[in-house]
N, C-alpha and C. Protein backbone atom coordinates (compact mmCIF):
# COMPACT_ATOMS: atom_id res chain seq x y z
N UNK A 1 12.87 -32.96 52.58
CA UNK A 1 13.93 -33.80 53.06
C UNK A 1 13.62 -34.19 54.50
N UNK A 2 13.71 -35.44 54.81
CA UNK A 2 13.43 -35.96 56.15
C UNK A 2 14.65 -35.79 57.04
N UNK A 3 14.50 -34.97 58.08
CA UNK A 3 15.64 -34.69 58.96
C UNK A 3 16.10 -35.94 59.71
N UNK A 4 15.18 -36.83 60.03
CA UNK A 4 15.57 -38.02 60.79
C UNK A 4 16.49 -38.92 59.96
N UNK A 5 16.45 -38.80 58.66
CA UNK A 5 17.31 -39.60 57.80
C UNK A 5 18.73 -39.03 57.73
N UNK A 6 18.91 -37.86 58.28
CA UNK A 6 20.21 -37.20 58.18
C UNK A 6 20.68 -36.73 59.57
N UNK A 7 21.33 -37.62 60.31
CA UNK A 7 21.79 -37.26 61.65
C UNK A 7 22.75 -36.07 61.64
N UNK A 8 23.56 -35.96 60.61
CA UNK A 8 24.48 -34.82 60.52
C UNK A 8 23.71 -33.51 60.43
N UNK A 9 22.63 -33.52 59.67
CA UNK A 9 21.80 -32.32 59.55
C UNK A 9 21.16 -31.99 60.90
N UNK A 10 20.72 -33.02 61.62
CA UNK A 10 20.14 -32.80 62.95
C UNK A 10 21.17 -32.15 63.88
N UNK A 11 22.40 -32.62 63.82
CA UNK A 11 23.45 -32.06 64.66
C UNK A 11 23.72 -30.60 64.30
N UNK A 12 23.70 -30.30 63.02
CA UNK A 12 23.92 -28.92 62.58
C UNK A 12 22.79 -28.02 63.05
N UNK A 13 21.56 -28.50 62.97
CA UNK A 13 20.41 -27.72 63.43
C UNK A 13 20.50 -27.47 64.93
N UNK A 14 20.88 -28.49 65.69
CA UNK A 14 21.05 -28.33 67.15
C UNK A 14 22.14 -27.31 67.45
N UNK A 15 23.23 -27.40 66.73
CA UNK A 15 24.34 -26.46 66.94
C UNK A 15 23.92 -25.04 66.59
N UNK A 16 23.14 -24.88 65.54
CA UNK A 16 22.64 -23.56 65.16
C UNK A 16 21.76 -22.98 66.26
N UNK A 17 20.89 -23.77 66.84
CA UNK A 17 20.04 -23.30 67.92
C UNK A 17 20.88 -22.89 69.14
N UNK A 18 21.90 -23.67 69.42
CA UNK A 18 22.79 -23.35 70.54
C UNK A 18 23.49 -22.00 70.30
N UNK A 19 23.96 -21.79 69.08
CA UNK A 19 24.63 -20.54 68.74
C UNK A 19 23.66 -19.36 68.83
N UNK A 20 22.43 -19.56 68.43
CA UNK A 20 21.42 -18.50 68.54
C UNK A 20 21.19 -18.14 70.01
N UNK A 21 21.13 -19.14 70.88
CA UNK A 21 20.96 -18.89 72.31
C UNK A 21 22.16 -18.16 72.88
N UNK A 22 23.35 -18.57 72.48
CA UNK A 22 24.57 -17.91 72.94
C UNK A 22 24.57 -16.45 72.49
N UNK A 23 24.17 -16.20 71.27
CA UNK A 23 24.13 -14.85 70.74
C UNK A 23 23.16 -13.98 71.53
N UNK A 24 22.02 -14.53 71.89
CA UNK A 24 21.04 -13.78 72.67
C UNK A 24 21.58 -13.43 74.05
N UNK A 25 22.27 -14.36 74.68
CA UNK A 25 22.86 -14.10 76.00
C UNK A 25 23.95 -13.04 75.89
N UNK A 26 24.79 -13.16 74.88
CA UNK A 26 25.85 -12.17 74.69
C UNK A 26 25.28 -10.79 74.41
N UNK A 27 24.17 -10.72 73.70
CA UNK A 27 23.53 -9.43 73.45
C UNK A 27 23.03 -8.81 74.76
N UNK A 28 22.50 -9.63 75.65
CA UNK A 28 22.06 -9.13 76.96
C UNK A 28 23.24 -8.62 77.77
N UNK A 29 24.33 -9.36 77.74
CA UNK A 29 25.53 -8.94 78.48
C UNK A 29 26.07 -7.64 77.89
N UNK A 30 26.11 -7.56 76.58
CA UNK A 30 26.60 -6.35 75.91
C UNK A 30 25.76 -5.13 76.30
N UNK A 31 24.46 -5.31 76.34
CA UNK A 31 23.57 -4.21 76.72
C UNK A 31 23.89 -3.71 78.13
N UNK A 32 24.12 -4.63 79.04
CA UNK A 32 24.45 -4.26 80.42
C UNK A 32 25.82 -3.60 80.52
N UNK A 33 26.77 -4.07 79.72
CA UNK A 33 28.09 -3.44 79.72
C UNK A 33 28.03 -2.02 79.18
N UNK A 34 27.24 -1.79 78.15
CA UNK A 34 27.08 -0.43 77.63
C UNK A 34 26.42 0.48 78.66
N UNK A 35 25.47 -0.06 79.42
CA UNK A 35 24.85 0.73 80.47
C UNK A 35 25.89 1.12 81.53
N UNK A 36 26.74 0.17 81.88
CA UNK A 36 27.79 0.45 82.85
C UNK A 36 28.76 1.52 82.30
N UNK A 37 29.07 1.42 81.03
CA UNK A 37 29.94 2.42 80.40
C UNK A 37 29.30 3.80 80.47
N UNK A 38 28.02 3.87 80.15
CA UNK A 38 27.31 5.15 80.22
C UNK A 38 27.36 5.74 81.62
N UNK A 39 27.17 4.90 82.61
CA UNK A 39 27.22 5.35 84.01
C UNK A 39 28.61 5.90 84.33
N UNK A 40 29.64 5.16 83.94
CA UNK A 40 31.01 5.58 84.23
C UNK A 40 31.35 6.90 83.53
N UNK A 41 30.91 7.03 82.30
CA UNK A 41 31.16 8.28 81.57
C UNK A 41 30.43 9.45 82.22
N UNK A 42 29.21 9.21 82.63
CA UNK A 42 28.44 10.26 83.31
C UNK A 42 29.14 10.67 84.61
N UNK A 43 29.58 9.68 85.36
CA UNK A 43 30.24 9.96 86.64
C UNK A 43 31.54 10.73 86.42
N UNK A 44 32.28 10.37 85.38
CA UNK A 44 33.55 11.04 85.11
C UNK A 44 33.34 12.48 84.66
N UNK A 45 32.25 12.74 83.97
CA UNK A 45 32.00 14.07 83.40
C UNK A 45 31.31 15.02 84.38
N UNK A 46 30.80 14.50 85.49
CA UNK A 46 30.03 15.32 86.41
C UNK A 46 30.60 15.25 87.82
N UNK A 47 30.39 16.32 88.54
CA UNK A 47 30.80 16.37 89.95
C UNK A 47 29.64 15.84 90.79
N UNK A 48 29.75 14.58 91.19
CA UNK A 48 28.65 13.91 91.87
C UNK A 48 28.75 14.10 93.38
N UNK A 49 27.59 14.25 94.00
CA UNK A 49 27.59 14.24 95.46
C UNK A 49 27.61 12.78 95.92
N UNK A 50 27.78 12.58 97.21
CA UNK A 50 27.90 11.22 97.75
C UNK A 50 26.69 10.36 97.45
N UNK A 51 25.52 10.94 97.58
CA UNK A 51 24.28 10.19 97.37
C UNK A 51 24.16 9.72 95.92
N UNK A 52 24.44 10.61 94.98
CA UNK A 52 24.34 10.24 93.57
C UNK A 52 25.41 9.22 93.20
N UNK A 53 26.62 9.39 93.72
CA UNK A 53 27.70 8.44 93.45
C UNK A 53 27.34 7.05 93.98
N UNK A 54 26.76 7.03 95.18
CA UNK A 54 26.37 5.74 95.77
C UNK A 54 25.28 5.07 94.93
N UNK A 55 24.34 5.87 94.46
CA UNK A 55 23.25 5.33 93.63
C UNK A 55 23.81 4.74 92.33
N UNK A 56 24.74 5.45 91.70
CA UNK A 56 25.33 4.96 90.45
C UNK A 56 26.18 3.71 90.71
N UNK A 57 26.91 3.70 91.82
CA UNK A 57 27.69 2.51 92.17
C UNK A 57 26.78 1.31 92.39
N UNK A 58 25.65 1.55 93.02
CA UNK A 58 24.68 0.47 93.25
C UNK A 58 24.15 -0.06 91.91
N UNK A 59 23.88 0.85 90.99
CA UNK A 59 23.39 0.40 89.68
C UNK A 59 24.45 -0.40 88.93
N UNK A 60 25.70 0.01 89.04
CA UNK A 60 26.78 -0.76 88.41
C UNK A 60 26.86 -2.14 89.03
N UNK A 61 26.75 -2.22 90.35
CA UNK A 61 26.80 -3.52 91.03
C UNK A 61 25.62 -4.41 90.60
N UNK A 62 24.46 -3.81 90.40
CA UNK A 62 23.30 -4.57 89.92
C UNK A 62 23.54 -5.11 88.52
N UNK A 63 24.15 -4.29 87.68
CA UNK A 63 24.46 -4.74 86.32
C UNK A 63 25.47 -5.89 86.35
N UNK A 64 26.49 -5.75 87.19
CA UNK A 64 27.48 -6.82 87.33
C UNK A 64 26.84 -8.12 87.84
N UNK A 65 25.95 -7.99 88.81
CA UNK A 65 25.27 -9.18 89.35
C UNK A 65 24.42 -9.84 88.27
N UNK A 66 23.76 -9.04 87.47
CA UNK A 66 22.93 -9.59 86.39
C UNK A 66 23.79 -10.31 85.36
N UNK A 67 24.95 -9.76 85.06
CA UNK A 67 25.87 -10.41 84.12
C UNK A 67 26.35 -11.74 84.70
N UNK A 68 26.72 -11.74 85.96
CA UNK A 68 27.17 -12.98 86.61
C UNK A 68 26.07 -14.04 86.58
N UNK A 69 24.83 -13.61 86.82
CA UNK A 69 23.71 -14.55 86.80
C UNK A 69 23.52 -15.14 85.41
N UNK A 70 23.64 -14.31 84.39
CA UNK A 70 23.52 -14.81 83.01
C UNK A 70 24.63 -15.82 82.73
N UNK A 71 25.85 -15.52 83.17
CA UNK A 71 26.96 -16.43 82.95
C UNK A 71 26.72 -17.78 83.63
N UNK A 72 26.17 -17.73 84.83
CA UNK A 72 25.89 -18.98 85.56
C UNK A 72 24.71 -19.74 84.94
N UNK A 73 23.64 -19.00 84.65
CA UNK A 73 22.44 -19.63 84.11
C UNK A 73 22.67 -20.28 82.75
N UNK A 74 23.58 -19.71 81.98
CA UNK A 74 23.81 -20.22 80.63
C UNK A 74 25.22 -20.79 80.45
N UNK A 75 25.82 -21.22 81.52
CA UNK A 75 27.18 -21.76 81.47
C UNK A 75 27.27 -23.01 80.60
N UNK A 76 26.18 -23.74 80.49
CA UNK A 76 26.20 -24.99 79.71
C UNK A 76 26.03 -24.76 78.21
N UNK A 77 25.89 -23.52 77.79
CA UNK A 77 25.77 -23.25 76.35
C UNK A 77 27.11 -23.33 75.71
């Protein structure tokens, strides 16, 4: 079947590709959110010294920054 003869099919294929890209971005965000959850659970379960707490806070901030960057980079999806 010739795709050029079916503009509706072309639109559906484009939309499918867009959804695949969105899914990939959401998977990356989900991975970072789970990492943040793991950090928070670890911090809640352990008596952290200042240095370790600061390190974990920094890692959470890095994860948040990465999520924000993904949201900005893929805002047009």
